[in-house]
Amino acid sequence: MLTKKQLSLYKFIKKYKKQHEFMPSFEEMKDFMNVVSKSSVYQMLGCIEWKGYIKRLPSKARAIEIIKEIP
């Protein structure tokens, strides 16, 4: 189960991908989440990935794959 912030970020990523046909950057996610540091976004993404909802490819920019759908 995702926390409210994690769920919000997950939905933002999903919506952004649908609108733009590519994933958002860390900067765009940081701005959406209204946090000061990209490390906060990195941490949230790590938790979302650990819970099995996304997969990140470490060697590529904007490389996030949605694994598990949330209605």
Protein backbone atom coordinates (compact mmCIF):
# COMPACT_ATOMS: atom_id res chain seq x y z
CA MET A 1 0.00 0.00 0.00
CA LEU A 2 1.31 3.42 -0.93
CA THR A 3 1.26 6.43 1.37
CA LYS A 4 -0.71 9.52 0.29
CA LYS A 5 2.42 11.26 -1.01
CA GLN A 6 3.64 8.15 -2.83
CA LEU A 7 0.21 7.65 -4.38
CA SER A 8 0.13 11.29 -5.46
CA LEU A 9 3.54 10.95 -7.13
CA TYR A 10 2.55 7.65 -8.77
CA LYS A 11 -0.61 9.22 -10.22
CA PHE A 12 1.37 12.25 -11.42
CA ILE A 13 3.86 9.98 -13.23
CA LYS A 14 1.04 7.98 -14.82
CA LYS A 15 -0.87 11.11 -15.92
CA TYR A 16 2.29 12.82 -17.21
CA LYS A 17 3.21 9.73 -19.26
CA LYS A 18 -0.27 9.64 -20.78
CA GLN A 19 -0.19 13.35 -21.72
CA HIS A 20 3.41 13.64 -22.94
CA GLU A 21 4.25 10.06 -24.00
CA PHE A 22 7.40 10.10 -21.87
CA MET A 23 8.12 10.14 -18.16
CA PRO A 24 8.63 13.32 -16.12
CA SER A 25 12.08 14.46 -15.04
CA PHE A 26 13.16 14.56 -11.38
CA GLU A 27 12.86 18.35 -11.55
CA GLU A 28 9.24 18.13 -12.76
CA MET A 29 8.40 15.59 -10.06
CA LYS A 30 10.12 17.80 -7.45
CA ASP A 31 8.06 20.79 -8.52
CA PHE A 32 4.83 18.78 -8.51
CA MET A 33 5.50 17.42 -5.02
CA ASN A 34 6.49 20.90 -3.83
CA VAL A 35 9.70 19.72 -2.21
CA VAL A 36 13.05 21.49 -2.09
CA SER A 37 15.34 18.58 -2.89
CA LYS A 38 15.40 16.01 -5.68
CA SER A 39 16.60 13.49 -3.11
CA SER A 40 13.10 13.54 -1.58
CA VAL A 41 11.70 12.49 -4.96
CA TYR A 42 14.42 9.87 -5.34
CA GLN A 43 13.50 8.45 -1.93
CA MET A 44 9.78 8.33 -2.75
CA LEU A 45 10.49 6.64 -6.07
CA GLY A 46 12.62 4.09 -4.25
CA CYS A 47 9.74 3.26 -1.92
CA ILE A 48 7.26 3.03 -4.79
CA GLU A 49 9.66 0.74 -6.65
CA TRP A 50 10.31 -1.40 -3.54
CA LYS A 51 6.55 -1.86 -3.19
CA GLY A 52 6.41 -3.15 -6.77
CA TYR A 53 4.48 -0.38 -8.52
CA ILE A 54 7.26 0.92 -10.77
CA LYS A 55 10.65 -0.14 -12.08
CA ARG A 56 13.51 2.28 -12.70
CA LEU A 57 16.38 1.73 -15.12
CA PRO A 58 19.43 3.29 -13.46
CA SER A 59 21.42 4.08 -16.60
CA LYS A 60 18.77 6.11 -18.44
CA ALA A 61 17.10 9.45 -17.80
CA ARG A 62 13.32 9.38 -17.33
CA ALA A 63 13.42 5.59 -17.38
CA ILE A 64 10.48 4.58 -15.21
CA GLU A 65 8.18 1.73 -16.09
CA ILE A 66 4.78 1.29 -14.45
CA ILE A 67 4.52 -2.32 -13.31
CA LYS A 68 1.38 -2.40 -11.18
CA GLU A 69 -1.75 -0.43 -12.01
CA ILE A 70 -3.82 1.38 -9.41
CA PRO A 71 -7.41 2.14 -10.43
